[in-house]
C-alpha atoms as a PDB file:
ATOM      1  CA  MET A   1      -4.816  75.146 -42.345  1.00  0.00           C
ATOM      2  CA  THR A   2      -7.118  74.155 -39.568  1.00  0.00           C
ATOM      3  CA  ALA A   3      -6.579  71.429 -36.983  1.00  0.00           C
ATOM      4  CA  ASP A   4      -9.292  69.389 -38.693  1.00  0.00           C
ATOM      5  CA  ASP A   5      -7.182  69.231 -41.853  1.00  0.00           C
ATOM      6  CA  GLU A   6      -4.143  67.778 -40.091  1.00  0.00           C
ATOM      7  CA  VAL A   7      -3.296  64.077 -39.868  1.00  0.00           C
ATOM      8  CA  LEU A   8      -0.810  62.394 -37.576  1.00  0.00           C
ATOM      9  CA  CYS A   9       2.681  61.479 -38.739  1.00  0.00           C
ATOM     10  CA  TYR A  10       3.639  57.917 -37.852  1.00  0.00           C
ATOM     11  CA  ASN A  11       7.382  58.233 -38.481  1.00  0.00           C
ATOM     12  CA  LYS A  12       9.397  57.202 -35.386  1.00  0.00           C
ATOM     13  CA  GLY A  13      10.349  60.133 -33.198  1.00  0.00           C
ATOM     14  CA  CYS A  14       8.035  62.603 -35.007  1.00  0.00           C
ATOM     15  CA  GLY A  15       4.399  62.149 -34.025  1.00  0.00           C
ATOM     16  CA  LYS A  16       3.434  65.651 -35.277  1.00  0.00           C
ATOM     17  CA  GLY A  17       0.269  66.634 -37.119  1.00  0.00           C
ATOM     18  CA  PHE A  18       0.620  67.777 -40.744  1.00  0.00           C
ATOM     19  CA  ASN A  19      -1.366  68.779 -43.803  1.00  0.00           C
ATOM     20  CA  PRO A  20      -0.930  66.130 -46.527  1.00  0.00           C
ATOM     21  CA  GLN A  21      -1.234  68.853 -49.186  1.00  0.00           C
ATOM     22  CA  GLU A  22       1.754  70.715 -47.716  1.00  0.00           C
ATOM     23  CA  ASN A  23       4.067  67.738 -47.127  1.00  0.00           C
ATOM     24  CA  ALA A  24       7.567  68.824 -48.247  1.00  0.00           C
ATOM     25  CA  GLU A  25      10.521  66.452 -48.787  1.00  0.00           C
ATOM     26  CA  ASP A  26      12.368  67.572 -45.634  1.00  0.00           C
ATOM     27  CA  GLU A  27       9.359  68.511 -43.531  1.00  0.00           C
ATOM     28  CA  CYS A  28       9.641  65.504 -41.122  1.00  0.00           C
ATOM     29  CA  VAL A  29      12.566  65.006 -38.731  1.00  0.00           C
ATOM     30  CA  PHE A  30      12.506  61.421 -37.464  1.00  0.00           C
ATOM     31  CA  HIS A  31      14.518  58.323 -36.561  1.00  0.00           C
ATOM     32  CA  CYS A  32      14.903  55.843 -39.364  1.00  0.00           C
ATOM     33  CA  GLY A  33      16.351  53.178 -37.057  1.00  0.00           C
ATOM     34  CA  ALA A  34      14.816  51.170 -34.215  1.00  0.00           C
ATOM     35  CA  PRO A  35      14.791  51.815 -30.466  1.00  0.00           C
ATOM     36  CA  VAL A  36      17.497  49.993 -28.524  1.00  0.00           C
ATOM     37  CA  PHE A  37      17.330  49.162 -24.797  1.00  0.00           C
ATOM     38  CA  HIS A  38      20.472  47.590 -23.350  1.00  0.00           C
ATOM     39  CA  ASP A  39      22.092  47.646 -19.893  1.00  0.00           C
ATOM     40  CA  ALA A  40      19.704  50.394 -18.694  1.00  0.00           C
ATOM     41  CA  TYR A  41      20.628  52.608 -21.681  1.00  0.00           C
ATOM     42  CA  LYS A  42      18.033  53.760 -24.190  1.00  0.00           C
ATOM     43  CA  SER A  43      19.008  54.838 -27.713  1.00  0.00           C
ATOM     44  CA  TRP A  44      18.167  54.695 -31.403  1.00  0.00           C
ATOM     45  CA  SER A  45      20.091  52.397 -33.722  1.00  0.00           C
ATOM     46  CA  CYS A  46      20.412  55.225 -36.281  1.00  0.00           C
ATOM     47  CA  CYS A  47      22.249  57.666 -33.983  1.00  0.00           C
ATOM     48  CA  GLU A  48      24.663  57.402 -31.079  1.00  0.00           C
ATOM     49  CA  LYS A  49      22.830  59.433 -28.460  1.00  0.00           C
ATOM     50  CA  LYS A  50      22.206  57.353 -25.277  1.00  0.00           C
ATOM     51  CA  THR A  51      20.375  58.076 -22.056  1.00  0.00           C
ATOM     52  CA  THR A  52      19.151  56.241 -18.992  1.00  0.00           C
ATOM     53  CA  ASP A  53      16.030  58.395 -18.627  1.00  0.00           C
ATOM     54  CA  PHE A  54      13.021  57.310 -20.661  1.00  0.00           C
ATOM     55  CA  THR A  55      11.609  60.867 -21.012  1.00  0.00           C
ATOM     56  CA  GLU A  56      14.920  62.120 -22.379  1.00  0.00           C
ATOM     57  CA  PHE A  57      14.964  59.167 -24.766  1.00  0.00           C
ATOM     58  CA  LEU A  58      11.550  60.187 -26.138  1.00  0.00           C
ATOM     59  CA  ASN A  59      12.792  63.770 -26.635  1.00  0.00           C
ATOM     60  CA  ILE A  60      15.927  62.823 -28.628  1.00  0.00           C
ATOM     61  CA  LYS A  61      15.616  64.776 -31.901  1.00  0.00           C
ATOM     62  CA  GLY A  62      15.422  62.727 -35.067  1.00  0.00           C
ATOM     63  CA  CYS A  63      18.544  62.306 -37.182  1.00  0.00           C
ATOM     64  CA  CYS A  64      16.847  61.775 -40.554  1.00  0.00           C
ATOM     65  CA  LYS A  65      14.696  64.048 -42.760  1.00  0.00           C
ATOM     66  CA  GLY A  66      11.922  63.226 -45.194  1.00  0.00           C
ATOM     67  CA  LYS A  67       8.227  63.475 -45.825  1.00  0.00           C
ATOM     68  CA  HIS A  68       5.656  62.990 -43.101  1.00  0.00           C
ATOM     69  CA  ASN A  69       3.933  59.598 -43.169  1.00  0.00           C
ATOM     70  CA  ASN A  70       0.252  59.220 -42.315  1.00  0.00           C
ATOM     71  CA  VAL A  71       0.178  55.418 -42.794  1.00  0.00           C
ATOM     72  CA  LYS A  72      -0.035  53.618 -39.485  1.00  0.00           C
ATOM     73  CA  PRO A  73       2.462  50.735 -39.356  1.00  0.00           C
ATOM     74  CA  GLU A  74       0.970  47.302 -39.120  1.00  0.00           C
ATOM     75  CA  GLU A  75       1.217  45.712 -35.722  1.00  0.00           C
ATOM     76  CA  PRO A  76       3.004  42.371 -35.745  1.00  0.00           C
ATOM     77  CA  ALA A  77       0.532  39.527 -35.782  1.00  0.00           C
ATOM     78  CA  LYS A  78       0.118  37.919 -32.421  1.00  0.00           C
ATOM     79  CA  GLU A  79       0.897  34.248 -32.362  1.00  0.00           C
ATOM     80  CA  ASP A  80      -1.975  32.104 -31.272  1.00  0.00           C
ATOM     81  CA  LYS A  81      -0.649  30.256 -28.315  1.00  0.00           C
ATOM     82  CA  GLU A  82      -2.162  26.911 -27.687  1.00  0.00           C
ATOM     83  CA  ILE A  83      -3.743  26.788 -24.295  1.00  0.00           C
ATOM     84  CA  THR A  84      -2.556  23.605 -22.677  1.00  0.00           C
ATOM     85  CA  PRO A  85      -5.099  22.322 -20.176  1.00  0.00           C
ATOM     86  CA  PRO A  86      -3.670  21.575 -16.747  1.00  0.00           C
ATOM     87  CA  PRO A  87      -2.869  17.898 -16.195  1.00  0.00           C
ATOM     88  CA  GLU A  88      -5.651  15.943 -14.603  1.00  0.00           C
ATOM     89  CA  ALA A  89      -5.085  14.853 -11.045  1.00  0.00           C
ATOM     90  CA  PRO A  90      -4.509  11.096 -10.871  1.00  0.00           C
ATOM     91  CA  LYS A  91      -7.635   9.236  -9.922  1.00  0.00           C
ATOM     92  CA  PRO A  92      -7.394   7.086  -6.813  1.00  0.00           C
ATOM     93  CA  PRO A  93      -7.510   3.362  -7.572  1.00  0.00           C
ATOM     94  CA  GLU A  94     -10.894   1.775  -7.205  1.00  0.00           C
ATOM     95  CA  ARG A  95     -11.452  -0.159  -4.015  1.00  0.00           C
ATOM     96  CA  MET A  96     -12.055  -3.888  -4.177  1.00  0.00           C
ATOM     97  CA  GLU A  97     -15.417  -5.335  -3.322  1.00  0.00           C
ATOM     98  CA  ARG A  98     -15.120  -6.707   0.207  1.00  0.00           C
ATOM     99  CA  PRO A  99     -15.347 -10.526   0.264  1.00  0.00           C
ATOM    100  CA  SER A 100     -17.711 -12.353   2.572  1.00  0.00           C
ATOM    101  CA  GLU A 101     -16.587 -13.275   6.076  1.00  0.00           C
ATOM    102  CA  GLU A 102     -18.085 -16.719   5.449  1.00  0.00           C
ATOM    103  CA  GLU A 103     -15.478 -17.641   2.837  1.00  0.00           C
ATOM    104  CA  PRO A 104     -13.587 -20.821   3.838  1.00  0.00           C
ATOM    105  CA  LEU A 105     -10.617 -20.372   6.120  1.00  0.00           C
ATOM    106  CA  ILE A 106      -7.299 -21.758   4.935  1.00  0.00           C
ATOM    107  CA  PRO A 107      -4.248 -22.602   7.079  1.00  0.00           C
ATOM    108  CA  LEU A 108      -1.272 -20.297   6.653  1.00  0.00           C
ATOM    109  CA  PRO A 109       2.136 -21.724   5.763  1.00  0.00           C
ATOM    110  CA  SER A 110       4.370 -21.648   8.834  1.00  0.00           C
ATOM    111  CA  SER A 111       8.014 -21.733   9.788  1.00  0.00           C
ATOM    112  CA  VAL A 112       9.734 -22.333  13.125  1.00  0.00           C
ATOM    113  CA  SER A 113      12.681 -20.168  14.129  1.00  0.00           C
ATOM    114  CA  ALA A 114      16.011 -21.708  15.131  1.00  0.00           C
ATOM    115  CA  SER A 115      15.634 -20.358  18.677  1.00  0.00           C
ATOM    116  CA  LEU A 116      12.288 -22.120  19.147  1.00  0.00           C
ATOM    117  CA  ARG A 117      13.582 -25.398  17.659  1.00  0.00           C
ATOM    118  CA  LYS A 118      16.442 -25.383  20.139  1.00  0.00           C
ATOM    119  CA  LEU A 119      14.036 -24.693  23.005  1.00  0.00           C
ATOM    120  CA  LEU A 120      11.633 -27.433  21.879  1.00  0.00           C
ATOM    121  CA  ASP A 121      14.480 -29.969  21.720  1.00  0.00           C
ATOM    122  CA  LYS A 122      15.391 -29.202  25.332  1.00  0.00           C
ATOM    123  CA  LEU A 123      11.764 -29.402  26.438  1.00  0.00           C
ATOM    124  CA  ALA A 124      11.298 -32.723  24.635  1.00  0.00           C
ATOM    125  CA  VAL A 125      14.144 -34.281  26.652  1.00  0.00           C
ATOM    126  CA  SER A 126      12.871 -32.950  29.986  1.00  0.00           C
ATOM    127  CA  ASP A 127       9.270 -33.909  29.148  1.00  0.00           C
ATOM    128  CA  LYS A 128      10.290 -37.512  28.541  1.00  0.00           C
ATOM    129  CA  ILE A 129      11.888 -37.615  31.975  1.00  0.00           C
ATOM    130  CA  ASP A 130       9.038 -35.925  33.834  1.00  0.00           C
ATOM    131  CA  GLU A 131       6.156 -37.027  31.631  1.00  0.00           C
ATOM    132  CA  VAL A 132       3.338 -38.730  33.479  1.00  0.00           C
ATOM    133  CA  VAL A 133       0.733 -40.239  31.162  1.00  0.00           C
ATOM    134  CA  THR A 134      -2.411 -41.408  32.911  1.00  0.00           C
ATOM    135  CA  LYS A 135      -5.149 -43.681  31.599  1.00  0.00           C
ATOM    136  CA  GLU A 136      -7.386 -40.585  31.330  1.00  0.00           C
ATOM    137  CA  SER A 137      -4.998 -38.936  28.840  1.00  0.00           C
ATOM    138  CA  ILE A 138      -6.343 -38.278  25.356  1.00  0.00           C
ATOM    139  CA  CYS A 139      -4.319 -37.836  22.178  1.00  0.00           C
ATOM    140  CA  GLN A 140      -4.396 -34.114  21.407  1.00  0.00           C
ATOM    141  CA  ARG A 141      -3.786 -34.445  17.689  1.00  0.00           C
ATOM    142  CA  LYS A 142      -6.724 -33.450  15.499  1.00  0.00           C
ATOM    143  CA  GLY A 143      -8.664 -36.356  14.067  1.00  0.00           C
ATOM    144  CA  CYS A 144      -7.154 -38.955  16.403  1.00  0.00           C
ATOM    145  CA  GLY A 145      -8.788 -38.564  19.814  1.00  0.00           C
ATOM    146  CA  LYS A 146      -7.756 -41.999  21.079  1.00  0.00           C
ATOM    147  CA  ALA A 147      -7.606 -42.548  24.821  1.00  0.00           C
ATOM    148  CA  LYS A 148      -4.446 -43.835  26.444  1.00  0.00           C
ATOM    149  CA  VAL A 149      -6.480 -46.580  28.074  1.00  0.00           C
ATOM    150  CA  ASP A 150      -7.142 -48.030  24.603  1.00  0.00           C
ATOM    151  CA  VAL A 151      -3.490 -47.940  23.492  1.00  0.00           C
ATOM    152  CA  SER A 152      -0.948 -50.207  25.149  1.00  0.00           C
ATOM    153  CA  ASP A 153       2.684 -49.204  25.618  1.00  0.00           C
ATOM    154  CA  GLU A 154       3.662 -51.748  22.944  1.00  0.00           C
ATOM    155  CA  GLU A 155       1.294 -50.016  20.470  1.00  0.00           C
ATOM    156  CA  ASP A 156       2.428 -46.502  21.333  1.00  0.00           C
ATOM    157  CA  TYR A 157       5.198 -45.820  18.807  1.00  0.00           C
ATOM    158  CA  GLU A 158       5.897 -43.724  15.679  1.00  0.00           C
ATOM    159  CA  GLY A 159       3.268 -44.175  12.980  1.00  0.00           C
ATOM    160  CA  THR A 160       0.393 -45.388  15.190  1.00  0.00           C
ATOM    161  CA  CYS A 161      -1.312 -41.970  15.462  1.00  0.00           C
ATOM    162  CA  GLU A 162      -3.431 -41.213  12.415  1.00  0.00           C
ATOM    163  CA  HIS A 163      -4.397 -37.543  12.488  1.00  0.00           C
ATOM    164  CA  HIS A 164      -5.103 -34.424  10.418  1.00  0.00           C
ATOM    165  CA  PRO A 165      -2.337 -31.806  10.475  1.00  0.00           C
ATOM    166  CA  GLY A 166      -4.633 -29.305   8.729  1.00  0.00           C
ATOM    167  CA  CYS A 167      -7.698 -27.463   9.985  1.00  0.00           C
ATOM    168  CA  PRO A 168     -11.433 -28.186   9.703  1.00  0.00           C
ATOM    169  CA  ILE A 169     -13.270 -26.188   7.028  1.00  0.00           C
ATOM    170  CA  PHE A 170     -17.036 -25.653   6.867  1.00  0.00           C
ATOM    171  CA  HIS A 171     -18.225 -23.903   3.727  1.00  0.00           C
ATOM    172  CA  GLU A 172     -21.547 -23.885   1.857  1.00  0.00           C
ATOM    173  CA  GLY A 173     -22.754 -26.992   3.680  1.00  0.00           C
ATOM    174  CA  MET A 174     -19.552 -28.949   3.013  1.00  0.00           C
ATOM    175  CA  LYS A 175     -17.270 -30.166   5.804  1.00  0.00           C
ATOM    176  CA  TYR A 176     -13.674 -31.255   5.236  1.00  0.00           C
ATOM    177  CA  TRP A 177     -10.062 -31.011   6.416  1.00  0.00           C
ATOM    178  CA  SER A 178      -7.711 -28.639   4.632  1.00  0.00           C
ATOM    179  CA  CYS A 179      -5.000 -31.311   4.522  1.00  0.00           C
ATOM    180  CA  CYS A 180      -6.877 -34.027   2.637  1.00  0.00           C
ATOM    181  CA  ASN A 181      -9.921 -32.262   1.139  1.00  0.00           C
ATOM    182  CA  LYS A 182     -12.366 -35.182   1.497  1.00  0.00           C
ATOM    183  CA  LYS A 183     -15.697 -33.404   1.520  1.00  0.00           C
ATOM    184  CA  THR A 184     -18.987 -34.451   3.095  1.00  0.00           C
ATOM    185  CA  THR A 185     -22.244 -32.827   4.098  1.00  0.00           C
ATOM    186  CA  ASP A 186     -22.793 -35.044   7.148  1.00  0.00           C
ATOM    187  CA  PHE A 187     -21.103 -33.907  10.361  1.00  0.00           C
ATOM    188  CA  ASN A 188     -20.802 -37.435  11.790  1.00  0.00           C
ATOM    189  CA  ASP A 189     -19.111 -38.634   8.601  1.00  0.00           C
ATOM    190  CA  PHE A 190     -16.739 -35.686   8.886  1.00  0.00           C
ATOM    191  CA  LEU A 191     -15.807 -36.651  12.469  1.00  0.00           C
ATOM    192  CA  LYS A 192     -15.184 -40.236  11.370  1.00  0.00           C
ATOM    193  CA  GLN A 193     -12.788 -39.296   8.573  1.00  0.00           C
ATOM    194  CA  LYS A 194      -9.551 -41.186   9.051  1.00  0.00           C
ATOM    195  CA  GLY A 195      -6.422 -39.107   9.536  1.00  0.00           C
ATOM    196  CA  CYS A 196      -4.284 -38.565   6.466  1.00  0.00           C
ATOM    197  CA  THR A 197      -0.930 -38.372   8.335  1.00  0.00           C
ATOM    198  CA  LYS A 198       0.783 -40.823  10.664  1.00  0.00           C
ATOM    199  CA  GLY A 199       2.918 -39.930  13.676  1.00  0.00           C
ATOM    200  CA  THR A 200       3.231 -40.466  17.427  1.00  0.00           C
ATOM    201  CA  HIS A 201       0.424 -39.805  19.865  1.00  0.00           C
ATOM    202  CA  LEU A 202       0.502 -36.560  21.797  1.00  0.00           C
ATOM    203  CA  TRP A 203      -1.008 -37.454  25.162  1.00  0.00           C
ATOM    204  CA  GLY A 204      -2.557 -34.804  27.332  1.00  0.00           C
ATOM    205  CA  ASP A 205      -5.543 -33.914  29.459  1.00  0.00           C
ATOM    206  CA  SER A 206      -7.788 -31.459  27.621  1.00  0.00           C
ATOM    207  CA  SER A 207      -9.422 -30.501  30.929  1.00  0.00           C
ATOM    208  CA  GLN A 208      -6.081 -29.041  32.068  1.00  0.00           C
ATOM    209  CA  LYS A 209      -5.910 -26.499  29.263  1.00  0.00           C
ATOM    210  CA  LYS A 210      -6.097 -22.924  30.493  1.00  0.00           C
ATOM    211  CA  ALA A 211      -7.531 -20.203  28.265  1.00  0.00           C
ATOM    212  CA  VAL A 212      -5.460 -17.046  28.701  1.00  0.00           C
ATOM    213  CA  GLN A 213      -5.057 -13.647  27.077  1.00  0.00           C
ATOM    214  CA  CYS A 214      -1.729 -12.801  25.484  1.00  0.00           C
ATOM    215  CA  ARG A 215      -0.363  -9.355  24.829  1.00  0.00           C
ATOM    216  CA  TYR A 216      -0.406  -8.573  21.120  1.00  0.00           C
ATOM    217  CA  ASP A 217       0.166  -5.639  18.806  1.00  0.00           C
ATOM    218  CA  TRP A 218       0.357  -4.863  15.107  1.00  0.00           C
ATOM    219  CA  HIS A 219       1.947  -2.553  12.573  1.00  0.00           C
ATOM    220  CA  GLN A 220       1.646  -2.042   8.842  1.00  0.00           C
ATOM    221  CA  THR A 221       3.851  -1.218   5.881  1.00  0.00           C
ATOM    222  CA  GLY A 222       2.802  -0.276   2.371  1.00  0.00           C
ATOM    223  CA  ASP A 223       1.951  -3.853   1.396  1.00  0.00           C
ATOM    224  CA  THR A 224       1.739  -5.878   4.634  1.00  0.00           C
ATOM    225  CA  VAL A 225      -0.018  -5.988   7.996  1.00  0.00           C
ATOM    226  CA  ASN A 226       2.024  -7.662  10.727  1.00  0.00           C
ATOM    227  CA  PHE A 227       0.308  -9.133  13.800  1.00  0.00           C
ATOM    228  CA  THR A 228       2.387 -10.338  16.774  1.00  0.00           C
ATOM    229  CA  ALA A 229       1.152 -12.337  19.783  1.00  0.00           C
ATOM    230  CA  TYR A 230       3.657 -12.670  22.628  1.00  0.00           C
ATOM    231  CA  ALA A 231       3.816 -16.176  24.103  1.00  0.00           C
ATOM    232  CA  LYS A 232       6.716 -18.274  25.437  1.00  0.00           C
ATOM    233  CA  LYS A 233       7.371 -21.951  24.709  1.00  0.00           C
ATOM    234  CA  VAL A 234       4.942 -22.131  21.788  1.00  0.00           C
ATOM    235  CA  LYS A 235       3.945 -25.617  20.603  1.00  0.00           C
ATOM    236  CA  PRO A 236       3.633 -25.311  16.812  1.00  0.00           C
ATOM    237  CA  GLU A 237       2.298 -28.852  16.319  1.00  0.00           C
ATOM    238  CA  LEU A 238      -0.810 -27.947  18.357  1.00  0.00           C
ATOM    239  CA  CYS A 239      -1.334 -24.418  17.005  1.00  0.00           C
ATOM    240  CA  THR A 240      -3.719 -23.475  14.205  1.00  0.00           C
ATOM    241  CA  VAL A 241      -3.708 -20.185  12.331  1.00  0.00           C
ATOM    242  CA  ASN A 242      -6.320 -19.893   9.589  1.00  0.00           C
ATOM    243  CA  CYS A 243      -7.676 -16.992   7.606  1.00  0.00           C
ATOM    244  CA  ASN A 244      -9.617 -15.870   4.594  1.00  0.00           C
ATOM    245  CA  ALA A 245      -9.473 -12.480   2.886  1.00  0.00           C
ATOM    246  CA  VAL A 246     -11.169 -10.631   5.778  1.00  0.00           C
ATOM    247  CA  LYS A 247     -10.884 -12.868   8.842  1.00  0.00           C
ATOM    248  CA  LEU A 248      -8.065 -14.151  11.069  1.00  0.00           C
ATOM    249  CA  GLN A 249      -8.544 -17.114  13.402  1.00  0.00           C
ATOM    250  CA  MET A 250      -5.794 -18.335  15.767  1.00  0.00           C
ATOM    251  CA  GLU A 251      -5.413 -20.926  18.486  1.00  0.00           C
ATOM    252  CA  ILE A 252      -1.954 -20.746  20.050  1.00  0.00           C
ATOM    253  CA  HIS A 253      -0.818 -23.446  22.492  1.00  0.00           C
ATOM    254  CA  PHE A 254       2.139 -22.522  24.675  1.00  0.00           C
ATOM    255  CA  GLY A 255       3.676 -22.782  28.115  1.00  0.00           C
ATOM    256  CA  ASP A 256       2.054 -25.196  30.567  1.00  0.00           C
ATOM    257  CA  ASP A 257      -1.128 -26.145  28.681  1.00  0.00           C
ATOM    258  CA  GLN A 258      -2.050 -22.508  28.045  1.00  0.00           C
ATOM    259  CA  VAL A 259      -4.197 -21.572  25.048  1.00  0.00           C
ATOM    260  CA  PHE A 260      -4.668 -18.156  23.448  1.00  0.00           C
ATOM    261  CA  THR A 261      -7.510 -17.787  20.940  1.00  0.00           C
ATOM    262  CA  PHE A 262      -8.033 -14.912  18.532  1.00  0.00           C
ATOM    263  CA  ASP A 263     -10.981 -14.755  16.138  1.00  0.00           C
ATOM    264  CA  LYS A 264     -11.498 -11.341  14.539  1.00  0.00           C
ATOM    265  CA  VAL A 265     -12.744  -9.717  11.338  1.00  0.00           C
ATOM    266  CA  LEU A 266     -10.026  -7.641   9.670  1.00  0.00           C
ATOM    267  CA  ALA A 267     -10.469  -3.965   8.821  1.00  0.00           C
ATOM    268  CA  GLY A 268      -8.949  -4.447   5.356  1.00  0.00           C
ATOM    269  CA  ILE A 269      -8.542  -7.164   2.755  1.00  0.00           C
ATOM    270  CA  ILE A 270      -5.573  -9.542   2.611  1.00  0.00           C
ATOM    271  CA  GLY A 271      -4.263 -12.217   0.262  1.00  0.00           C
ATOM    272  CA  PRO A 272      -4.161 -15.426   2.370  1.00  0.00           C
ATOM    273  CA  GLU A 273      -2.119 -17.281  -0.248  1.00  0.00           C
ATOM    274  CA  LYS A 274       0.687 -14.704   0.137  1.00  0.00           C
ATOM    275  CA  SER A 275       0.587 -14.541   3.941  1.00  0.00           C
ATOM    276  CA  LYS A 276       2.613 -16.614   6.408  1.00  0.00           C
ATOM    277  CA  ILE A 277       3.241 -17.288  10.092  1.00  0.00           C
ATOM    278  CA  THR A 278       6.506 -17.584  12.034  1.00  0.00           C
ATOM    279  CA  TYR A 279       6.782 -19.305  15.438  1.00  0.00           C
ATOM    280  CA  SER A 280       9.570 -17.973  17.654  1.00  0.00           C
ATOM    281  CA  ALA A 281      10.728 -18.649  21.202  1.00  0.00           C
ATOM    282  CA  THR A 282       8.803 -15.691  22.654  1.00  0.00           C
ATOM    283  CA  LYS A 283       6.205 -14.762  20.041  1.00  0.00           C
ATOM    284  CA  VAL A 284       4.060 -15.738  17.091  1.00  0.00           C
ATOM    285  CA  GLU A 285       4.191 -13.435  14.065  1.00  0.00           C
ATOM    286  CA  VAL A 286       1.569 -13.384  11.313  1.00  0.00           C
ATOM    287  CA  LYS A 287       2.602 -11.481   8.185  1.00  0.00           C
ATOM    288  CA  MET A 288      -0.467 -10.743   6.069  1.00  0.00           C
ATOM    289  CA  ARG A 289      -0.090  -9.402   2.539  1.00  0.00           C
ATOM    290  CA  LYS A 290      -2.518  -6.580   1.705  1.00  0.00           C
ATOM    291  CA  ALA A 291      -4.758  -7.210  -1.290  1.00  0.00           C
ATOM    292  CA  GLU A 292      -4.891  -3.456  -2.000  1.00  0.00           C
ATOM    293  CA  PHE A 293      -2.326  -0.807  -1.085  1.00  0.00           C
ATOM    294  CA  PHE A 294      -4.393   1.324   1.266  1.00  0.00           C
ATOM    295  CA  ALA A 295      -3.550   2.350   4.812  1.00  0.00           C
ATOM    296  CA  TRP A 296      -5.635   0.474   7.367  1.00  0.00           C
ATOM    297  CA  PRO A 297      -7.337   2.388  10.224  1.00  0.00           C
ATOM    298  CA  SER A 298      -5.750   2.715  13.656  1.00  0.00           C
ATOM    299  CA  THR A 299      -7.288  -0.580  14.729  1.00  0.00           C
ATOM    300  CA  PHE A 300      -6.703  -3.409  12.281  1.00  0.00           C
ATOM    301  CA  VAL A 301      -9.841  -5.359  13.268  1.00  0.00           C
ATOM    302  CA  LEU A 302     -13.531  -4.476  13.174  1.00  0.00           C
END
């Protein structure tokens, strides 16, 4: 028999070449069991011989006898594993289209802290004692503008001052007050609009007002931008704080006829209807609700 006539035996533990025509019943010595690997030991399930060395395991003599087998065992079919694509990274939310700076400004709802109310009550008493109203004094309430010379002491009482507590709005050619919403295209008609609220006159000399700069800062959270201007003895009835989605406009009256103005375009977009202002004894806080939850740059104005 030549080497070309031999075929390979596929019985476990044999692996010898043989001549199919000379394949006797006890020619092949093999393992009829399966290989076992457990706790570093290697063995065959059909015999009790164990070893920790893999080479020795391969050389363990078979424990069964039979014919050589030239049929290659079928390999177990490989399961087709579904390839799961990696999850897509979440897309960032789309940014809003930036509104126009020319949108109408609306006044923010305000509240006065208990500390400022207490201070204003004390100042009101002292002002009545020290108040000196001259004939040149003008009522400082918006929409009134009467001169003291035209109002006698008998006529100067609660309910004689007709004024606008809101702010003037100029938008798309229309002019009106935010408090009464009577619109007109003529500026003179706008100035002549009668006040929608009655109260007492607030006499003062507009020439004595001093424009000053106040210290201010800001910080942001996930959904708000908070602006704080530091000013003592704020006069809420004279202050105006208006804004639209991208602009903040303030005129803060405080102290001894001091006025701080702030008129800036915001770096982000806010929701004016969800924003508010708080007047305190030493500061004015504007809490603006972000319209989109993005971090604003290091400076909150453009």
